[in-house]
Amino acid sequence: MAQWVYSAISSHPYLVAYSAITPADRRLMNQRVARLYERLVTQDCKIALAMLVVTDQVEEGMEVGFSALGEIAMLSLLEDESVLESIEEYAKYLDVEKFADLFEIDN
């Protein structure tokens, strides 16, 4: 799922130049997510889906479920130590002197 999220985000016009994902790679990731989604809906979450049907909340429930999958995938990416280090790397380029007076405390 994390690979699929990355693939989807990397198709944004601002990012596409930085991605080496081929159309074949993207197709494979889409196929894998489709199989996962099918299994979740038709097997793993079948009872929950039936409850949504009874309460006429299928669309909302499916939306919430897929959003949760995406969120879990993003969190799994952001929990990785190398990703965290990369996110924090910008700080070594900060001129901390420009922030000094913001943190001065008058006594």
PDB file of N, CA and C in Angstrom:
ATOM      1  N   MET A   1       0.830  -1.189   0.000  1.00  0.00           N
ATOM      2  CA  MET A   1       0.000   0.000   0.000  1.00  0.00           C
ATOM      3  C   MET A   1       0.875   1.254   0.000  1.00  0.00           C
ATOM      4  N   ALA A   2       1.972   1.224   0.753  1.00  0.00           N
ATOM      5  CA  ALA A   2       2.866   2.383   0.822  1.00  0.00           C
ATOM      6  C   ALA A   2       3.462   2.685  -0.552  1.00  0.00           C
ATOM      7  N   GLN A   3       3.816   1.646  -1.293  1.00  0.00           N
ATOM      8  CA  GLN A   3       4.349   1.856  -2.639  1.00  0.00           C
ATOM      9  C   GLN A   3       3.300   2.507  -3.534  1.00  0.00           C
ATOM     10  N   TRP A   4       2.062   2.087  -3.401  1.00  0.00           N
ATOM     11  CA  TRP A   4       0.984   2.646  -4.210  1.00  0.00           C
ATOM     12  C   TRP A   4       0.771   4.123  -3.881  1.00  0.00           C
ATOM     13  N   VAL A   5       0.798   4.463  -2.597  1.00  0.00           N
ATOM     14  CA  VAL A   5       0.643   5.864  -2.188  1.00  0.00           C
ATOM     15  C   VAL A   5       1.769   6.702  -2.783  1.00  0.00           C
ATOM     16  N   TYR A   6       2.995   6.195  -2.679  1.00  0.00           N
ATOM     17  CA  TYR A   6       4.135   6.914  -3.249  1.00  0.00           C
ATOM     18  C   TYR A   6       3.959   7.088  -4.755  1.00  0.00           C
ATOM     19  N   SER A   7       3.546   6.026  -5.420  1.00  0.00           N
ATOM     20  CA  SER A   7       3.328   6.079  -6.858  1.00  0.00           C
ATOM     21  C   SER A   7       2.278   7.125  -7.219  1.00  0.00           C
ATOM     22  N   ALA A   8       1.191   7.136  -6.479  1.00  0.00           N
ATOM     23  CA  ALA A   8       0.115   8.097  -6.751  1.00  0.00           C
ATOM     24  C   ALA A   8       0.590   9.529  -6.527  1.00  0.00           C
ATOM     25  N   ILE A   9       1.266   9.766  -5.418  1.00  0.00           N
ATOM     26  CA  ILE A   9       1.743  11.115  -5.110  1.00  0.00           C
ATOM     27  C   ILE A   9       2.795  11.559  -6.122  1.00  0.00           C
ATOM     28  N   SER A  10       3.640  10.636  -6.548  1.00  0.00           N
ATOM     29  CA  SER A  10       4.708  10.992  -7.487  1.00  0.00           C
ATOM     30  C   SER A  10       4.183  11.346  -8.873  1.00  0.00           C
ATOM     31  N   SER A  11       2.920  11.103  -9.134  1.00  0.00           N
ATOM     32  CA  SER A  11       2.353  11.479 -10.431  1.00  0.00           C
ATOM     33  C   SER A  11       1.912  12.945 -10.463  1.00  0.00           C
ATOM     34  N   HIS A  12       2.017  13.633  -9.324  1.00  0.00           N
ATOM     35  CA  HIS A  12       1.691  15.064  -9.278  1.00  0.00           C
ATOM     36  C   HIS A  12       2.669  15.823 -10.184  1.00  0.00           C
ATOM     37  N   PRO A  13       2.189  16.810 -10.923  1.00  0.00           N
ATOM     38  CA  PRO A  13       3.064  17.556 -11.835  1.00  0.00           C
ATOM     39  C   PRO A  13       4.319  18.140 -11.166  1.00  0.00           C
ATOM     40  N   TYR A  14       4.245  18.513  -9.910  1.00  0.00           N
ATOM     41  CA  TYR A  14       5.417  19.045  -9.209  1.00  0.00           C
ATOM     42  C   TYR A  14       6.467  17.973  -8.938  1.00  0.00           C
ATOM     43  N   LEU A  15       6.068  16.714  -8.930  1.00  0.00           N
ATOM     44  CA  LEU A  15       6.969  15.635  -8.522  1.00  0.00           C
ATOM     45  C   LEU A  15       7.360  14.679  -9.635  1.00  0.00           C
ATOM     46  N   VAL A  16       6.618  14.662 -10.710  1.00  0.00           N
ATOM     47  CA  VAL A  16       6.803  13.640 -11.744  1.00  0.00           C
ATOM     48  C   VAL A  16       8.237  13.607 -12.283  1.00  0.00           C
ATOM     49  N   ALA A  17       8.909  14.735 -12.356  1.00  0.00           N
ATOM     50  CA  ALA A  17      10.283  14.770 -12.870  1.00  0.00           C
ATOM     51  C   ALA A  17      11.271  14.062 -11.945  1.00  0.00           C
ATOM     52  N   TYR A  18      10.894  13.869 -10.686  1.00  0.00           N
ATOM     53  CA  TYR A  18      11.784  13.248  -9.705  1.00  0.00           C
ATOM     54  C   TYR A  18      11.513  11.761  -9.507  1.00  0.00           C
ATOM     55  N   SER A  19      10.585  11.229 -10.236  1.00  0.00           N
ATOM     56  CA  SER A  19      10.181   9.834 -10.043  1.00  0.00           C
ATOM     57  C   SER A  19      10.634   8.966 -11.213  1.00  0.00           C
ATOM     58  N   ALA A  20      11.106   7.786 -10.886  1.00  0.00           N
ATOM     59  CA  ALA A  20      11.516   6.831 -11.915  1.00  0.00           C
ATOM     60  C   ALA A  20      10.473   5.728 -12.087  1.00  0.00           C
ATOM     61  N   ILE A  21       9.283   5.939 -11.562  1.00  0.00           N
ATOM     62  CA  ILE A  21       8.234   4.920 -11.666  1.00  0.00           C
ATOM     63  C   ILE A  21       7.738   4.862 -13.107  1.00  0.00           C
ATOM     64  N   THR A  22       7.806   3.684 -13.669  1.00  0.00           N
ATOM     65  CA  THR A  22       7.374   3.498 -15.054  1.00  0.00           C
ATOM     66  C   THR A  22       5.868   3.226 -15.094  1.00  0.00           C
ATOM     67  N   PRO A  23       5.258   3.406 -16.254  1.00  0.00           N
ATOM     68  CA  PRO A  23       3.844   3.049 -16.368  1.00  0.00           C
ATOM     69  C   PRO A  23       3.585   1.586 -15.991  1.00  0.00           C
ATOM     70  N   ALA A  24       4.516   0.699 -16.317  1.00  0.00           N
ATOM     71  CA  ALA A  24       4.357  -0.719 -15.957  1.00  0.00           C
ATOM     72  C   ALA A  24       4.405  -0.898 -14.438  1.00  0.00           C
ATOM     73  N   ASP A  25       5.320  -0.166 -13.767  1.00  0.00           N
ATOM     74  CA  ASP A  25       5.389  -0.210 -12.300  1.00  0.00           C
ATOM     75  C   ASP A  25       4.077   0.273 -11.689  1.00  0.00           C
ATOM     76  N   ARG A  26       3.584   1.400 -12.214  1.00  0.00           N
ATOM     77  CA  ARG A  26       2.348   1.989 -11.691  1.00  0.00           C
ATOM     78  C   ARG A  26       1.171   1.038 -11.897  1.00  0.00           C
ATOM     79  N   ARG A  27       1.112   0.409 -13.061  1.00  0.00           N
ATOM     80  CA  ARG A  27       0.044  -0.548 -13.355  1.00  0.00           C
ATOM     81  C   ARG A  27       0.102  -1.721 -12.368  1.00  0.00           C
ATOM     82  N   LEU A  28       1.298  -2.242 -12.100  1.00  0.00           N
ATOM     83  CA  LEU A  28       1.461  -3.351 -11.163  1.00  0.00           C
ATOM     84  C   LEU A  28       1.016  -2.943  -9.755  1.00  0.00           C
ATOM     85  N   MET A  29       1.402  -1.748  -9.328  1.00  0.00           N
ATOM     86  CA  MET A  29       0.993  -1.274  -7.997  1.00  0.00           C
ATOM     87  C   MET A  29      -0.522  -1.099  -7.922  1.00  0.00           C
ATOM     88  N   ASN A  30      -1.117  -0.572  -8.981  1.00  0.00           N
ATOM     89  CA  ASN A  30      -2.577  -0.423  -9.019  1.00  0.00           C
ATOM     90  C   ASN A  30      -3.271  -1.779  -8.966  1.00  0.00           C
ATOM     91  N   GLN A  31      -2.716  -2.758  -9.659  1.00  0.00           N
ATOM     92  CA  GLN A  31      -3.296  -4.104  -9.635  1.00  0.00           C
ATOM     93  C   GLN A  31      -3.213  -4.708  -8.234  1.00  0.00           C
ATOM     94  N   ARG A  32      -2.079  -4.504  -7.564  1.00  0.00           N
ATOM     95  CA  ARG A  32      -1.919  -5.041  -6.207  1.00  0.00           C
ATOM     96  C   ARG A  32      -2.903  -4.397  -5.231  1.00  0.00           C
ATOM     97  N   VAL A  33      -3.079  -3.097  -5.343  1.00  0.00           N
ATOM     98  CA  VAL A  33      -4.021  -2.409  -4.455  1.00  0.00           C
ATOM     99  C   VAL A  33      -5.446  -2.847  -4.769  1.00  0.00           C
ATOM    100  N   ALA A  34      -5.745  -3.060  -6.036  1.00  0.00           N
ATOM    101  CA  ALA A  34      -7.082  -3.549  -6.409  1.00  0.00           C
ATOM    102  C   ALA A  34      -7.355  -4.906  -5.764  1.00  0.00           C
ATOM    103  N   ARG A  35      -6.363  -5.809  -5.793  1.00  0.00           N
ATOM    104  CA  ARG A  35      -6.527  -7.130  -5.157  1.00  0.00           C
ATOM    105  C   ARG A  35      -6.707  -6.978  -3.647  1.00  0.00           C
ATOM    106  N   LEU A  36      -5.932  -6.097  -3.028  1.00  0.00           N
ATOM    107  CA  LEU A  36      -6.061  -5.857  -1.588  1.00  0.00           C
ATOM    108  C   LEU A  36      -7.451  -5.324  -1.264  1.00  0.00           C
ATOM    109  N   TYR A  37      -7.893  -4.338  -2.022  1.00  0.00           N
ATOM    110  CA  TYR A  37      -9.202  -3.730  -1.801  1.00  0.00           C
ATOM    111  C   TYR A  37     -10.315  -4.765  -1.974  1.00  0.00           C
ATOM    112  N   GLU A  38     -10.211  -5.567  -3.029  1.00  0.00           N
ATOM    113  CA  GLU A  38     -11.205  -6.624  -3.256  1.00  0.00           C
ATOM    114  C   GLU A  38     -11.270  -7.577  -2.067  1.00  0.00           C
ATOM    115  N   ARG A  39     -10.095  -8.001  -1.584  1.00  0.00           N
ATOM    116  CA  ARG A  39     -10.064  -8.939  -0.466  1.00  0.00           C
ATOM    117  C   ARG A  39     -10.653  -8.318   0.792  1.00  0.00           C
ATOM    118  N   LEU A  40     -10.282  -7.077   1.061  1.00  0.00           N
ATOM    119  CA  LEU A  40     -10.798  -6.415   2.259  1.00  0.00           C
ATOM    120  C   LEU A  40     -12.317  -6.292   2.215  1.00  0.00           C
ATOM    121  N   VAL A  41     -12.833  -5.871   1.070  1.00  0.00           N
ATOM    122  CA  VAL A  41     -14.277  -5.640   0.954  1.00  0.00           C
ATOM    123  C   VAL A  41     -15.067  -6.942   0.894  1.00  0.00           C
ATOM    124  N   THR A  42     -14.575  -7.912   0.134  1.00  0.00           N
ATOM    125  CA  THR A  42     -15.364  -9.131  -0.092  1.00  0.00           C
ATOM    126  C   THR A  42     -15.100 -10.246   0.910  1.00  0.00           C
ATOM    127  N   GLN A  43     -14.011 -10.140   1.678  1.00  0.00           N
ATOM    128  CA  GLN A  43     -13.696 -11.197   2.643  1.00  0.00           C
ATOM    129  C   GLN A  43     -13.504 -10.645   4.058  1.00  0.00           C
ATOM    130  N   ASP A  44     -12.437  -9.885   4.246  1.00  0.00           N
ATOM    131  CA  ASP A  44     -12.052  -9.452   5.597  1.00  0.00           C
ATOM    132  C   ASP A  44     -13.095  -8.553   6.267  1.00  0.00           C
ATOM    133  N   CYS A  45     -13.721  -7.687   5.497  1.00  0.00           N
ATOM    134  CA  CYS A  45     -14.659  -6.710   6.073  1.00  0.00           C
ATOM    135  C   CYS A  45     -16.090  -6.933   5.589  1.00  0.00           C
ATOM    136  N   LYS A  46     -16.390  -8.136   5.201  1.00  0.00           N
ATOM    137  CA  LYS A  46     -17.700  -8.463   4.626  1.00  0.00           C
ATOM    138  C   LYS A  46     -18.846  -8.134   5.589  1.00  0.00           C
ATOM    139  N   ILE A  47     -18.686  -8.457   6.855  1.00  0.00           N
ATOM    140  CA  ILE A  47     -19.741  -8.195   7.845  1.00  0.00           C
ATOM    141  C   ILE A  47     -19.925  -6.694   8.046  1.00  0.00           C
ATOM    142  N   ALA A  48     -18.814  -5.969   8.135  1.00  0.00           N
ATOM    143  CA  ALA A  48     -18.903  -4.511   8.295  1.00  0.00           C
ATOM    144  C   ALA A  48     -19.586  -3.881   7.088  1.00  0.00           C
ATOM    145  N   LEU A  49     -19.292  -4.381   5.897  1.00  0.00           N
ATOM    146  CA  LEU A  49     -19.930  -3.866   4.689  1.00  0.00           C
ATOM    147  C   LEU A  49     -21.432  -4.128   4.718  1.00  0.00           C
ATOM    148  N   ALA A  50     -21.825  -5.303   5.170  1.00  0.00           N
ATOM    149  CA  ALA A  50     -23.253  -5.621   5.274  1.00  0.00           C
ATOM    150  C   ALA A  50     -23.953  -4.640   6.205  1.00  0.00           C
ATOM    151  N   MET A  51     -23.289  -4.260   7.290  1.00  0.00           N
ATOM    152  CA  MET A  51     -23.860  -3.272   8.222  1.00  0.00           C
ATOM    153  C   MET A  51     -24.026  -1.918   7.534  1.00  0.00           C
ATOM    154  N   LEU A  52     -23.059  -1.558   6.697  1.00  0.00           N
ATOM    155  CA  LEU A  52     -23.156  -0.295   5.968  1.00  0.00           C
ATOM    156  C   LEU A  52     -24.315  -0.322   4.981  1.00  0.00           C
ATOM    157  N   VAL A  53     -24.524  -1.458   4.347  1.00  0.00           N
ATOM    158  CA  VAL A  53     -25.634  -1.602   3.396  1.00  0.00           C
ATOM    159  C   VAL A  53     -26.959  -1.410   4.125  1.00  0.00           C
ATOM    160  N   VAL A  54     -27.101  -2.054   5.278  1.00  0.00           N
ATOM    161  CA  VAL A  54     -28.341  -1.970   6.060  1.00  0.00           C
ATOM    162  C   VAL A  54     -28.623  -0.536   6.490  1.00  0.00           C
ATOM    163  N   THR A  55     -27.575   0.205   6.831  1.00  0.00           N
ATOM    164  CA  THR A  55     -27.758   1.578   7.321  1.00  0.00           C
ATOM    165  C   THR A  55     -27.629   2.620   6.216  1.00  0.00           C
ATOM    166  N   ASP A  56     -27.529   2.157   4.965  1.00  0.00           N
ATOM    167  CA  ASP A  56     -27.431   3.045   3.804  1.00  0.00           C
ATOM    168  C   ASP A  56     -26.237   3.998   3.916  1.00  0.00           C
ATOM    169  N   GLN A  57     -25.103   3.451   4.367  1.00  0.00           N
ATOM    170  CA  GLN A  57     -23.892   4.262   4.515  1.00  0.00           C
ATOM    171  C   GLN A  57     -22.713   3.656   3.759  1.00  0.00           C
ATOM    172  N   VAL A  58     -22.998   2.957   2.682  1.00  0.00           N
ATOM    173  CA  VAL A  58     -21.940   2.266   1.937  1.00  0.00           C
ATOM    174  C   VAL A  58     -20.901   3.250   1.410  1.00  0.00           C
ATOM    175  N   GLU A  59     -21.362   4.292   0.734  1.00  0.00           N
ATOM    176  CA  GLU A  59     -20.422   5.236   0.126  1.00  0.00           C
ATOM    177  C   GLU A  59     -19.515   5.873   1.177  1.00  0.00           C
ATOM    178  N   GLU A  60     -20.115   6.358   2.260  1.00  0.00           N
ATOM    179  CA  GLU A  60     -19.332   6.999   3.313  1.00  0.00           C
ATOM    180  C   GLU A  60     -18.378   6.008   3.972  1.00  0.00           C
ATOM    181  N   GLY A  61     -18.867   4.811   4.220  1.00  0.00           N
ATOM    182  CA  GLY A  61     -18.045   3.791   4.863  1.00  0.00           C
ATOM    183  C   GLY A  61     -16.862   3.365   4.012  1.00  0.00           C
ATOM    184  N   MET A  62     -17.098   3.203   2.721  1.00  0.00           N
ATOM    185  CA  MET A  62     -16.014   2.822   1.814  1.00  0.00           C
ATOM    186  C   MET A  62     -14.972   3.935   1.737  1.00  0.00           C
ATOM    187  N   GLU A  63     -15.452   5.167   1.719  1.00  0.00           N
ATOM    188  CA  GLU A  63     -14.552   6.318   1.675  1.00  0.00           C
ATOM    189  C   GLU A  63     -13.680   6.372   2.930  1.00  0.00           C
ATOM    190  N   VAL A  64     -14.296   6.198   4.074  1.00  0.00           N
ATOM    191  CA  VAL A  64     -13.565   6.212   5.344  1.00  0.00           C
ATOM    192  C   VAL A  64     -12.553   5.067   5.385  1.00  0.00           C
ATOM    193  N   GLY A  65     -12.969   3.899   4.943  1.00  0.00           N
ATOM    194  CA  GLY A  65     -12.083   2.738   4.942  1.00  0.00           C
ATOM    195  C   GLY A  65     -10.869   2.926   4.052  1.00  0.00           C
ATOM    196  N   PHE A  66     -11.093   3.444   2.847  1.00  0.00           N
ATOM    197  CA  PHE A  66      -9.971   3.633   1.934  1.00  0.00           C
ATOM    198  C   PHE A  66      -9.060   4.746   2.434  1.00  0.00           C
ATOM    199  N   SER A  67      -9.636   5.787   3.022  1.00  0.00           N
ATOM    200  CA  SER A  67      -8.826   6.859   3.614  1.00  0.00           C
ATOM    201  C   SER A  67      -7.951   6.317   4.736  1.00  0.00           C
ATOM    202  N   ALA A  68      -8.513   5.437   5.539  1.00  0.00           N
ATOM    203  CA  ALA A  68      -7.744   4.838   6.637  1.00  0.00           C
ATOM    204  C   ALA A  68      -6.579   4.019   6.095  1.00  0.00           C
ATOM    205  N   LEU A  69      -6.799   3.286   5.017  1.00  0.00           N
ATOM    206  CA  LEU A  69      -5.708   2.525   4.402  1.00  0.00           C
ATOM    207  C   LEU A  69      -4.591   3.454   3.941  1.00  0.00           C
ATOM    208  N   GLY A  70      -4.969   4.544   3.301  1.00  0.00           N
ATOM    209  CA  GLY A  70      -3.976   5.516   2.840  1.00  0.00           C
ATOM    210  C   GLY A  70      -3.215   6.138   3.990  1.00  0.00           C
ATOM    211  N   GLU A  71      -3.926   6.446   5.059  1.00  0.00           N
ATOM    212  CA  GLU A  71      -3.289   7.035   6.239  1.00  0.00           C
ATOM    213  C   GLU A  71      -2.299   6.057   6.871  1.00  0.00           C
ATOM    214  N   ILE A  72      -2.684   4.813   6.970  1.00  0.00           N
ATOM    215  CA  ILE A  72      -1.788   3.788   7.526  1.00  0.00           C
ATOM    216  C   ILE A  72      -0.537   3.662   6.655  1.00  0.00           C
ATOM    217  N   ALA A  73      -0.728   3.690   5.345  1.00  0.00           N
ATOM    218  CA  ALA A  73       0.418   3.593   4.435  1.00  0.00           C
ATOM    219  C   ALA A  73       1.354   4.784   4.607  1.00  0.00           C
ATOM    220  N   MET A  74       0.789   5.987   4.700  1.00  0.00           N
ATOM    221  CA  MET A  74       1.626   7.181   4.897  1.00  0.00           C
ATOM    222  C   MET A  74       2.366   7.112   6.220  1.00  0.00           C
ATOM    223  N   LEU A  75       1.686   6.704   7.271  1.00  0.00           N
ATOM    224  CA  LEU A  75       2.336   6.601   8.580  1.00  0.00           C
ATOM    225  C   LEU A  75       3.462   5.582   8.550  1.00  0.00           C
ATOM    226  N   SER A  76       3.270   4.488   7.839  1.00  0.00           N
ATOM    227  CA  SER A  76       4.338   3.483   7.761  1.00  0.00           C
ATOM    228  C   SER A  76       5.554   4.053   7.039  1.00  0.00           C
ATOM    229  N   LEU A  77       5.334   4.925   6.068  1.00  0.00           N
ATOM    230  CA  LEU A  77       6.454   5.578   5.388  1.00  0.00           C
ATOM    231  C   LEU A  77       7.147   6.567   6.315  1.00  0.00           C
ATOM    232  N   LEU A  78       6.357   7.355   7.035  1.00  0.00           N
ATOM    233  CA  LEU A  78       6.915   8.404   7.888  1.00  0.00           C
ATOM    234  C   LEU A  78       7.575   7.870   9.149  1.00  0.00           C
ATOM    235  N   GLU A  79       7.285   6.642   9.539  1.00  0.00           N
ATOM    236  CA  GLU A  79       7.901   6.051  10.726  1.00  0.00           C
ATOM    237  C   GLU A  79       9.313   5.537  10.461  1.00  0.00           C
ATOM    238  N   ASP A  80       9.679   5.389   9.204  1.00  0.00           N
ATOM    239  CA  ASP A  80      10.992   4.858   8.866  1.00  0.00           C
ATOM    240  C   ASP A  80      12.087   5.855   9.247  1.00  0.00           C
ATOM    241  N   GLU A  81      13.132   5.362   9.875  1.00  0.00           N
ATOM    242  CA  GLU A  81      14.218   6.215  10.368  1.00  0.00           C
ATOM    243  C   GLU A  81      14.877   7.024   9.249  1.00  0.00           C
ATOM    244  N   SER A  82      15.106   6.411   8.091  1.00  0.00           N
ATOM    245  CA  SER A  82      15.749   7.137   6.996  1.00  0.00           C
ATOM    246  C   SER A  82      14.852   8.250   6.454  1.00  0.00           C
ATOM    247  N   VAL A  83      13.546   8.031   6.474  1.00  0.00           N
ATOM    248  CA  VAL A  83      12.608   9.073   6.041  1.00  0.00           C
ATOM    249  C   VAL A  83      12.630  10.227   7.036  1.00  0.00           C
ATOM    250  N   LEU A  84      12.607   9.906   8.322  1.00  0.00           N
ATOM    251  CA  LEU A  84      12.663  10.949   9.352  1.00  0.00           C
ATOM    252  C   LEU A  84      13.944  11.762   9.242  1.00  0.00           C
ATOM    253  N   GLU A  85      15.064  11.090   9.028  1.00  0.00           N
ATOM    254  CA  GLU A  85      16.339  11.795   8.868  1.00  0.00           C
ATOM    255  C   GLU A  85      16.298  12.710   7.654  1.00  0.00           C
ATOM    256  N   SER A  86      15.726  12.242   6.571  1.00  0.00           N
ATOM    257  CA  SER A  86      15.620  13.050   5.361  1.00  0.00           C
ATOM    258  C   SER A  86      14.733  14.273   5.584  1.00  0.00           C
ATOM    259  N   ILE A  87      13.633  14.093   6.307  1.00  0.00           N
ATOM    260  CA  ILE A  87      12.734  15.211   6.602  1.00  0.00           C
ATOM    261  C   ILE A  87      13.442  16.267   7.446  1.00  0.00           C
ATOM    262  N   GLU A  88      14.260  15.829   8.379  1.00  0.00           N
ATOM    263  CA  GLU A  88      14.945  16.756   9.290  1.00  0.00           C
ATOM    264  C   GLU A  88      16.202  17.372   8.685  1.00  0.00           C
ATOM    265  N   GLU A  89      16.648  16.880   7.551  1.00  0.00           N
ATOM    266  CA  GLU A  89      17.913  17.309   6.966  1.00  0.00           C
ATOM    267  C   GLU A  89      17.950  18.795   6.615  1.00  0.00           C
ATOM    268  N   TYR A  90      16.808  19.388   6.284  1.00  0.00           N
ATOM    269  CA  TYR A  90      16.783  20.803   5.921  1.00  0.00           C
ATOM    270  C   TYR A  90      17.354  21.674   7.034  1.00  0.00           C
ATOM    271  N   ALA A  91      17.221  21.225   8.281  1.00  0.00           N
ATOM    272  CA  ALA A  91      17.609  22.040   9.432  1.00  0.00           C
ATOM    273  C   ALA A  91      19.091  22.391   9.428  1.00  0.00           C
ATOM    274  N   LYS A  92      19.923  21.566   8.823  1.00  0.00           N
ATOM    275  CA  LYS A  92      21.353  21.876   8.812  1.00  0.00           C
ATOM    276  C   LYS A  92      21.667  23.071   7.913  1.00  0.00           C
ATOM    277  N   TYR A  93      20.715  23.516   7.121  1.00  0.00           N
ATOM    278  CA  TYR A  93      20.905  24.668   6.249  1.00  0.00           C
ATOM    279  C   TYR A  93      20.297  25.949   6.827  1.00  0.00           C
ATOM    280  N   LEU A  94      19.694  25.849   7.992  1.00  0.00           N
ATOM    281  CA  LEU A  94      19.112  27.025   8.632  1.00  0.00           C
ATOM    282  C   LEU A  94      20.202  27.914   9.213  1.00  0.00           C
ATOM    283  N   ASP A  95      20.012  29.205   9.112  1.00  0.00           N
ATOM    284  CA  ASP A  95      20.891  30.172   9.769  1.00  0.00           C
ATOM    285  C   ASP A  95      20.265  30.460  11.131  1.00  0.00           C
ATOM    286  N   VAL A  96      20.735  29.769  12.161  1.00  0.00           N
ATOM    287  CA  VAL A  96      20.120  29.874  13.489  1.00  0.00           C
ATOM    288  C   VAL A  96      20.240  31.272  14.079  1.00  0.00           C
ATOM    289  N   GLU A  97      21.212  32.051  13.620  1.00  0.00           N
ATOM    290  CA  GLU A  97      21.354  33.432  14.101  1.00  0.00           C
ATOM    291  C   GLU A  97      20.103  34.252  13.768  1.00  0.00           C
ATOM    292  N   LYS A  98      19.450  33.952  12.677  1.00  0.00           N
ATOM    293  CA  LYS A  98      18.244  34.682  12.281  1.00  0.00           C
ATOM    294  C   LYS A  98      17.072  34.404  13.217  1.00  0.00           C
ATOM    295  N   PHE A  99      17.170  33.344  14.002  1.00  0.00           N
ATOM    296  CA  PHE A  99      16.114  32.975  14.933  1.00  0.00           C
ATOM    297  C   PHE A  99      16.435  33.384  16.372  1.00  0.00           C
ATOM    298  N   ALA A 100      17.663  33.822  16.619  1.00  0.00           N
ATOM    299  CA  ALA A 100      18.138  34.053  17.987  1.00  0.00           C
ATOM    300  C   ALA A 100      17.251  35.014  18.770  1.00  0.00           C
ATOM    301  N   ASP A 101      16.914  36.162  18.191  1.00  0.00           N
ATOM    302  CA  ASP A 101      16.125  37.143  18.948  1.00  0.00           C
ATOM    303  C   ASP A 101      14.687  36.691  19.178  1.00  0.00           C
ATOM    304  N   LEU A 102      14.208  35.726  18.426  1.00  0.00           N
ATOM    305  CA  LEU A 102      12.864  35.195  18.660  1.00  0.00           C
ATOM    306  C   LEU A 102      12.783  34.416  19.966  1.00  0.00           C
ATOM    307  N   PHE A 103      13.909  33.884  20.391  1.00  0.00           N
ATOM    308  CA  PHE A 103      13.929  33.031  21.571  1.00  0.00           C
ATOM    309  C   PHE A 103      14.544  33.703  22.793  1.00  0.00           C
ATOM    310  N   GLU A 104      14.899  34.986  22.668  1.00  0.00           N
ATOM    311  CA  GLU A 104      15.433  35.706  23.825  1.00  0.00           C
ATOM    312  C   GLU A 104      14.311  35.985  24.806  1.00  0.00           C
ATOM    313  N   ILE A 105      14.600  35.786  26.076  1.00  0.00           N
ATOM    314  CA  ILE A 105      13.609  36.008  27.129  1.00  0.00           C
ATOM    315  C   ILE A 105      14.053  37.207  27.949  1.00  0.00           C
ATOM    316  N   ASP A 106      13.167  38.201  28.034  1.00  0.00           N
ATOM    317  CA  ASP A 106      13.462  39.383  28.855  1.00  0.00           C
ATOM    318  C   ASP A 106      13.238  39.044  30.314  1.00  0.00           C
ATOM    319  N   ASN A 107      14.241  39.364  31.162  1.00  0.00           N
ATOM    320  CA  ASN A 107      14.106  39.097  32.598  1.00  0.00           C
ATOM    321  C   ASN A 107      13.734  40.352  33.320  1.00  0.00           C
TER     322      ASN A 107
END
